[in-house]
Amino acid sequence: MGLGDRFRRVIRQQARKAGREYARSKRAYEEGREWGENHAAEFGLPTDDEDRGRVVCRRHAEKRAVAVNADGEPACFDEGHPDCEGCAEDVREGRVQTW
């Protein structure tokens, strides 16, 4: 592998890294804009390194890191869906499944 090939590989790796950082920043900005302040810690939820609440989604049965609004609704909340309604209620009452 020549110097040019290694240089291109390093540039591609750095570009991918910058793209991931951009996507993470954009997502955090959009969540913040939509939800205002993140209240996950106020509901006693464990949080990730971006202060998003770590909950287990009932609807999709998967671990998620999400912003939580002042009403205890995760950013993925779908009003009217029974699983989402139950999840928000559990967040407010401090009994939601976390990871």
C-alpha atoms as a PDB file:
ATOM      1  CA  MET A   1       0.000   0.000   0.000  1.00  0.00           C
ATOM      2  CA  GLY A   2       1.504   3.274  -1.072  1.00  0.00           C
ATOM      3  CA  LEU A   3       1.556   6.564   0.748  1.00  0.00           C
ATOM      4  CA  GLY A   4      -1.300   7.877  -1.433  1.00  0.00           C
ATOM      5  CA  ASP A   5      -3.539   4.906  -0.553  1.00  0.00           C
ATOM      6  CA  ARG A   6      -2.909   5.339   3.167  1.00  0.00           C
ATOM      7  CA  PHE A   7      -3.557   9.063   2.915  1.00  0.00           C
ATOM      8  CA  ARG A   8      -6.887   8.468   1.133  1.00  0.00           C
ATOM      9  CA  ARG A   9      -7.889   5.890   3.748  1.00  0.00           C
ATOM     10  CA  VAL A  10      -7.117   8.305   6.597  1.00  0.00           C
ATOM     11  CA  ILE A  11      -9.064  11.078   4.865  1.00  0.00           C
ATOM     12  CA  ARG A  12     -12.071   8.753   4.380  1.00  0.00           C
ATOM     13  CA  GLN A  13     -11.949   7.694   8.047  1.00  0.00           C
ATOM     14  CA  GLN A  14     -11.825  11.304   9.213  1.00  0.00           C
ATOM     15  CA  ALA A  15     -14.671  12.271   6.876  1.00  0.00           C
ATOM     16  CA  ARG A  16     -16.838   9.444   8.269  1.00  0.00           C
ATOM     17  CA  LYS A  17     -15.992  10.481  11.805  1.00  0.00           C
ATOM     18  CA  ALA A  18     -16.932  14.100  11.035  1.00  0.00           C
ATOM     19  CA  GLY A  19     -20.185  12.894   9.456  1.00  0.00           C
ATOM     20  CA  ARG A  20     -21.110  10.910  12.577  1.00  0.00           C
ATOM     21  CA  GLU A  21     -20.347  13.903  14.800  1.00  0.00           C
ATOM     22  CA  TYR A  22     -22.431  16.148  12.559  1.00  0.00           C
ATOM     23  CA  ALA A  23     -25.370  13.719  12.661  1.00  0.00           C
ATOM     24  CA  ARG A  24     -25.142  13.448  16.466  1.00  0.00           C
ATOM     25  CA  SER A  25     -25.024  17.245  16.838  1.00  0.00           C
ATOM     26  CA  LYS A  26     -27.912  17.741  14.438  1.00  0.00           C
ATOM     27  CA  ARG A  27     -30.032  15.166  16.285  1.00  0.00           C
ATOM     28  CA  ALA A  28     -29.273  16.800  19.649  1.00  0.00           C
ATOM     29  CA  TYR A  29     -30.136  20.232  18.270  1.00  0.00           C
ATOM     30  CA  GLU A  30     -33.426  19.025  16.797  1.00  0.00           C
ATOM     31  CA  GLU A  31     -34.394  17.202  19.992  1.00  0.00           C
ATOM     32  CA  GLY A  32     -33.572  20.297  22.013  1.00  0.00           C
ATOM     33  CA  ARG A  33     -35.511  22.563  19.688  1.00  0.00           C
ATOM     34  CA  GLU A  34     -38.551  20.292  19.685  1.00  0.00           C
ATOM     35  CA  TRP A  35     -38.542  19.414  23.348  1.00  0.00           C
ATOM     36  CA  GLY A  36     -36.952  22.428  24.986  1.00  0.00           C
ATOM     37  CA  GLU A  37     -34.915  21.372  27.975  1.00  0.00           C
ATOM     38  CA  ASN A  38     -34.241  17.715  28.546  1.00  0.00           C
ATOM     39  CA  HIS A  39     -35.855  16.624  31.815  1.00  0.00           C
ATOM     40  CA  ALA A  40     -34.686  12.993  31.902  1.00  0.00           C
ATOM     41  CA  ALA A  41     -32.652  13.415  35.095  1.00  0.00           C
ATOM     42  CA  GLU A  42     -35.566  15.129  36.848  1.00  0.00           C
ATOM     43  CA  PHE A  43     -37.579  11.930  36.449  1.00  0.00           C
ATOM     44  CA  GLY A  44     -34.726   9.879  37.909  1.00  0.00           C
ATOM     45  CA  LEU A  45     -33.783   8.210  34.637  1.00  0.00           C
ATOM     46  CA  PRO A  46     -30.244   7.001  34.061  1.00  0.00           C
ATOM     47  CA  THR A  47     -28.701   9.071  31.260  1.00  0.00           C
ATOM     48  CA  ASP A  48     -26.146   8.619  28.510  1.00  0.00           C
ATOM     49  CA  ASP A  49     -23.186  10.934  27.834  1.00  0.00           C
ATOM     50  CA  GLU A  50     -25.536  13.369  26.060  1.00  0.00           C
ATOM     51  CA  ASP A  51     -27.951  13.492  29.052  1.00  0.00           C
ATOM     52  CA  ARG A  52     -30.674  11.574  27.227  1.00  0.00           C
ATOM     53  CA  GLY A  53     -32.785   9.202  29.300  1.00  0.00           C
ATOM     54  CA  ARG A  54     -32.014   5.520  28.813  1.00  0.00           C
ATOM     55  CA  VAL A  55     -35.354   3.712  28.564  1.00  0.00           C
ATOM     56  CA  VAL A  56     -36.572   0.430  27.149  1.00  0.00           C
ATOM     57  CA  CYS A  57     -39.206   1.179  24.517  1.00  0.00           C
ATOM     58  CA  ARG A  58     -42.372  -0.842  25.093  1.00  0.00           C
ATOM     59  CA  ARG A  59     -43.647  -0.338  21.576  1.00  0.00           C
ATOM     60  CA  HIS A  60     -40.542  -1.615  19.798  1.00  0.00           C
ATOM     61  CA  ALA A  61     -38.963  -3.627  22.632  1.00  0.00           C
ATOM     62  CA  GLU A  62     -35.573  -1.972  22.294  1.00  0.00           C
ATOM     63  CA  LYS A  63     -33.174   0.122  24.333  1.00  0.00           C
ATOM     64  CA  ARG A  64     -33.322   3.836  23.494  1.00  0.00           C
ATOM     65  CA  ALA A  65     -31.575   6.986  24.604  1.00  0.00           C
ATOM     66  CA  VAL A  66     -34.090   9.830  24.269  1.00  0.00           C
ATOM     67  CA  ALA A  67     -34.748  13.356  25.450  1.00  0.00           C
ATOM     68  CA  VAL A  68     -37.662  13.658  27.860  1.00  0.00           C
ATOM     69  CA  ASN A  69     -39.900  16.729  28.009  1.00  0.00           C
ATOM     70  CA  ALA A  70     -41.280  18.356  31.165  1.00  0.00           C
ATOM     71  CA  ASP A  71     -44.437  16.219  30.898  1.00  0.00           C
ATOM     72  CA  GLY A  72     -42.408  12.994  31.101  1.00  0.00           C
ATOM     73  CA  GLU A  73     -42.858  12.154  27.431  1.00  0.00           C
ATOM     74  CA  PRO A  74     -39.836  10.686  25.622  1.00  0.00           C
ATOM     75  CA  ALA A  75     -38.936  12.247  22.251  1.00  0.00           C
ATOM     76  CA  CYS A  76     -40.202   9.086  20.516  1.00  0.00           C
ATOM     77  CA  PHE A  77     -43.633   9.471  22.196  1.00  0.00           C
ATOM     78  CA  ASP A  78     -46.586   8.871  19.854  1.00  0.00           C
ATOM     79  CA  GLU A  79     -49.727  10.358  21.367  1.00  0.00           C
ATOM     80  CA  GLY A  80     -52.627   7.948  21.347  1.00  0.00           C
ATOM     81  CA  HIS A  81     -50.514   4.786  21.118  1.00  0.00           C
ATOM     82  CA  PRO A  82     -51.204   2.648  24.222  1.00  0.00           C
ATOM     83  CA  ASP A  83     -47.579   1.550  24.657  1.00  0.00           C
ATOM     84  CA  CYS A  84     -46.330   5.154  24.409  1.00  0.00           C
ATOM     85  CA  GLU A  85     -49.032   6.422  26.773  1.00  0.00           C
ATOM     86  CA  GLY A  86     -48.091   3.731  29.305  1.00  0.00           C
ATOM     87  CA  CYS A  87     -44.390   4.494  28.938  1.00  0.00           C
ATOM     88  CA  ALA A  88     -44.905   8.212  29.608  1.00  0.00           C
ATOM     89  CA  GLU A  89     -47.024   7.381  32.652  1.00  0.00           C
ATOM     90  CA  ASP A  90     -44.289   5.057  33.931  1.00  0.00           C
ATOM     91  CA  VAL A  91     -41.629   7.743  33.373  1.00  0.00           C
ATOM     92  CA  ARG A  92     -43.672  10.205  35.428  1.00  0.00           C
ATOM     93  CA  GLU A  93     -44.189   7.658  38.210  1.00  0.00           C
ATOM     94  CA  GLY A  94     -40.566   6.470  38.224  1.00  0.00           C
ATOM     95  CA  ARG A  95     -41.206   2.878  37.259  1.00  0.00           C
ATOM     96  CA  VAL A  96     -40.170   2.754  33.580  1.00  0.00           C
ATOM     97  CA  GLN A  97     -37.742   0.010  32.567  1.00  0.00           C
ATOM     98  CA  THR A  98     -34.240   1.427  32.001  1.00  0.00           C
ATOM     99  CA  TRP A  99     -30.833   0.171  31.019  1.00  0.00           C
END
